[in-house]
N, C-alpha and C. Protein backbone atom coordinates (compact mmCIF):
# COMPACT_ATOMS: atom_id res chain seq x y z
N MET A 1 -10.90 -21.20 -1.02
CA MET A 1 -9.46 -21.05 -1.08
C MET A 1 -8.93 -20.87 0.34
N SER A 2 -7.85 -21.56 0.65
CA SER A 2 -7.26 -21.43 1.97
C SER A 2 -6.25 -20.29 1.99
N ASP A 3 -5.97 -19.77 3.18
CA ASP A 3 -4.98 -18.71 3.32
C ASP A 3 -3.65 -19.13 2.74
N GLY A 4 -3.05 -18.26 1.97
CA GLY A 4 -1.72 -18.48 1.46
C GLY A 4 -1.63 -19.29 0.18
N GLN A 5 -2.73 -19.79 -0.34
CA GLN A 5 -2.71 -20.60 -1.56
C GLN A 5 -2.62 -19.68 -2.78
N PHE A 6 -1.67 -19.94 -3.67
CA PHE A 6 -1.53 -19.14 -4.87
C PHE A 6 -2.66 -19.45 -5.85
N VAL A 7 -3.21 -18.41 -6.46
CA VAL A 7 -4.26 -18.55 -7.46
C VAL A 7 -3.88 -17.72 -8.68
N THR A 8 -4.41 -18.11 -9.83
CA THR A 8 -4.22 -17.35 -11.07
C THR A 8 -5.58 -16.91 -11.59
N SER A 9 -5.56 -15.98 -12.48
CA SER A 9 -6.78 -15.47 -13.10
C SER A 9 -7.47 -16.55 -13.93
N SER A 10 -8.77 -16.47 -13.98
CA SER A 10 -9.53 -17.38 -14.85
C SER A 10 -9.24 -17.08 -16.33
N PHE A 11 -8.61 -15.95 -16.62
CA PHE A 11 -8.26 -15.57 -17.99
C PHE A 11 -6.89 -16.11 -18.39
N CYS A 12 -6.20 -16.81 -17.51
CA CYS A 12 -4.87 -17.37 -17.78
C CYS A 12 -5.02 -18.61 -18.66
N ALA A 13 -4.77 -18.45 -19.96
CA ALA A 13 -5.01 -19.54 -20.90
C ALA A 13 -3.73 -20.30 -21.28
N LYS A 14 -2.61 -19.61 -21.36
CA LYS A 14 -1.38 -20.24 -21.84
C LYS A 14 -0.50 -20.79 -20.72
N GLY A 15 -0.83 -20.49 -19.47
CA GLY A 15 -0.02 -20.95 -18.35
C GLY A 15 1.12 -20.03 -17.99
N GLU A 16 1.30 -18.96 -18.72
CA GLU A 16 2.33 -17.96 -18.42
C GLU A 16 1.63 -16.77 -17.77
N CYS A 17 1.41 -16.89 -16.47
CA CYS A 17 0.56 -15.92 -15.79
C CYS A 17 1.15 -15.47 -14.46
N VAL A 18 0.45 -14.59 -13.82
CA VAL A 18 0.79 -14.12 -12.48
C VAL A 18 -0.05 -14.91 -11.49
N ALA A 19 0.59 -15.36 -10.41
CA ALA A 19 -0.12 -16.05 -9.33
C ALA A 19 -0.05 -15.18 -8.08
N VAL A 20 -1.15 -15.13 -7.35
CA VAL A 20 -1.27 -14.26 -6.18
C VAL A 20 -1.74 -15.07 -4.98
N ALA A 21 -1.17 -14.79 -3.81
CA ALA A 21 -1.61 -15.43 -2.57
C ALA A 21 -1.71 -14.36 -1.49
N ALA A 22 -2.63 -14.54 -0.57
CA ALA A 22 -2.78 -13.59 0.53
C ALA A 22 -3.02 -14.35 1.83
N ASP A 23 -2.45 -13.82 2.89
CA ASP A 23 -2.69 -14.35 4.23
C ASP A 23 -2.60 -13.19 5.21
N ALA A 24 -2.49 -13.47 6.47
CA ALA A 24 -2.49 -12.43 7.49
C ALA A 24 -1.27 -11.50 7.39
N THR A 25 -0.20 -11.95 6.73
CA THR A 25 1.01 -11.13 6.64
C THR A 25 1.03 -10.22 5.42
N GLY A 26 0.14 -10.40 4.47
CA GLY A 26 0.09 -9.56 3.28
C GLY A 26 -0.18 -10.37 2.03
N VAL A 27 0.25 -9.84 0.90
CA VAL A 27 0.00 -10.43 -0.41
C VAL A 27 1.34 -10.79 -1.05
N ARG A 28 1.39 -11.96 -1.67
CA ARG A 28 2.59 -12.40 -2.39
C ARG A 28 2.23 -12.62 -3.85
N VAL A 29 3.17 -12.28 -4.75
CA VAL A 29 2.95 -12.40 -6.18
C VAL A 29 4.15 -13.13 -6.79
N ARG A 30 3.87 -14.02 -7.73
CA ARG A 30 4.94 -14.74 -8.44
C ARG A 30 4.47 -15.04 -9.86
N SER A 31 5.40 -15.41 -10.70
CA SER A 31 5.09 -15.88 -12.04
C SER A 31 4.79 -17.37 -11.96
N THR A 32 3.92 -17.86 -12.81
CA THR A 32 3.67 -19.29 -12.83
C THR A 32 4.82 -20.04 -13.50
N THR A 33 5.71 -19.32 -14.17
CA THR A 33 6.85 -19.97 -14.82
C THR A 33 8.16 -19.79 -14.04
N ALA A 34 8.18 -18.92 -13.04
CA ALA A 34 9.37 -18.69 -12.20
C ALA A 34 8.92 -18.65 -10.75
N GLU A 35 8.49 -19.79 -10.25
CA GLU A 35 7.84 -19.85 -8.93
C GLU A 35 8.76 -19.50 -7.77
N ALA A 36 10.07 -19.57 -7.96
CA ALA A 36 11.00 -19.29 -6.86
C ALA A 36 11.10 -17.80 -6.54
N VAL A 37 10.73 -16.94 -7.49
CA VAL A 37 10.81 -15.50 -7.29
C VAL A 37 9.45 -15.01 -6.81
N VAL A 38 9.41 -14.54 -5.57
CA VAL A 38 8.16 -14.08 -4.97
C VAL A 38 8.35 -12.67 -4.44
N VAL A 39 7.41 -11.79 -4.74
CA VAL A 39 7.45 -10.41 -4.28
C VAL A 39 6.29 -10.21 -3.31
N GLY A 40 6.55 -9.55 -2.19
CA GLY A 40 5.51 -9.34 -1.19
C GLY A 40 5.06 -7.90 -1.10
N PHE A 41 3.78 -7.71 -0.74
CA PHE A 41 3.20 -6.39 -0.59
C PHE A 41 2.33 -6.35 0.65
N THR A 42 2.20 -5.17 1.24
CA THR A 42 1.27 -5.00 2.34
C THR A 42 -0.15 -4.96 1.79
N ASP A 43 -1.12 -5.10 2.65
CA ASP A 43 -2.52 -5.00 2.22
C ASP A 43 -2.79 -3.64 1.59
N ASP A 44 -2.25 -2.56 2.17
CA ASP A 44 -2.48 -1.22 1.63
C ASP A 44 -1.87 -1.06 0.24
N GLU A 45 -0.66 -1.58 0.06
CA GLU A 45 -0.02 -1.51 -1.26
C GLU A 45 -0.84 -2.26 -2.29
N TRP A 46 -1.30 -3.46 -1.93
CA TRP A 46 -2.06 -4.28 -2.86
C TRP A 46 -3.40 -3.62 -3.20
N SER A 47 -4.06 -3.07 -2.20
CA SER A 47 -5.35 -2.41 -2.44
C SER A 47 -5.20 -1.22 -3.39
N ALA A 48 -4.13 -0.44 -3.22
CA ALA A 48 -3.89 0.70 -4.11
C ALA A 48 -3.63 0.21 -5.54
N PHE A 49 -2.87 -0.87 -5.67
CA PHE A 49 -2.60 -1.43 -7.00
C PHE A 49 -3.89 -1.92 -7.67
N VAL A 50 -4.70 -2.65 -6.95
CA VAL A 50 -5.96 -3.17 -7.51
C VAL A 50 -6.87 -2.02 -7.93
N ARG A 51 -6.94 -0.97 -7.14
CA ARG A 51 -7.74 0.19 -7.53
C ARG A 51 -7.21 0.78 -8.83
N GLY A 52 -5.89 0.85 -8.98
CA GLY A 52 -5.29 1.35 -10.22
C GLY A 52 -5.60 0.46 -11.41
N VAL A 53 -5.57 -0.86 -11.20
CA VAL A 53 -5.92 -1.80 -12.28
C VAL A 53 -7.35 -1.57 -12.72
N LYS A 54 -8.25 -1.49 -11.76
CA LYS A 54 -9.67 -1.28 -12.09
C LYS A 54 -9.90 0.05 -12.78
N ASN A 55 -9.02 1.01 -12.53
CA ASN A 55 -9.14 2.34 -13.14
C ASN A 55 -8.43 2.43 -14.50
N GLY A 56 -7.80 1.34 -14.94
CA GLY A 56 -7.14 1.32 -16.23
C GLY A 56 -5.72 1.86 -16.24
N GLU A 57 -5.18 2.19 -15.07
CA GLU A 57 -3.86 2.81 -15.00
C GLU A 57 -2.73 1.87 -15.40
N PHE A 58 -2.96 0.56 -15.42
CA PHE A 58 -1.92 -0.40 -15.76
C PHE A 58 -2.21 -1.15 -17.04
N ASP A 59 -3.18 -0.68 -17.83
CA ASP A 59 -3.41 -1.25 -19.15
C ASP A 59 -2.14 -1.03 -19.98
N LEU A 60 -1.78 -2.00 -20.81
CA LEU A 60 -0.53 -1.90 -21.56
C LEU A 60 -0.45 -0.66 -22.43
N ASP A 61 -1.55 -0.30 -23.08
CA ASP A 61 -1.50 0.89 -23.94
C ASP A 61 -1.25 2.15 -23.11
N HIS A 62 -1.75 2.19 -21.90
CA HIS A 62 -1.52 3.33 -21.01
C HIS A 62 -0.06 3.35 -20.53
N LEU A 63 0.48 2.21 -20.16
CA LEU A 63 1.86 2.14 -19.68
C LEU A 63 2.86 2.47 -20.77
N ARG A 64 2.56 2.02 -21.97
CA ARG A 64 3.50 2.22 -23.09
C ARG A 64 3.33 3.58 -23.77
N GLY A 65 2.28 4.30 -23.38
CA GLY A 65 2.05 5.64 -23.89
C GLY A 65 1.58 5.64 -25.28
């Protein structure tokens, strides 16, 4: 994968997914269905988020209580 190329999860089956790209300036996230809307994060922000995902903090049942 080259710097800045958006990728989706291998679990994305329906095409309605999150796409992520990273380069020297940070990480960008967009929807695969609304490509014009892009949100950017620093490396530190993204790393903290990924750690939370791996820890289950963003599982839907956890978020919805």
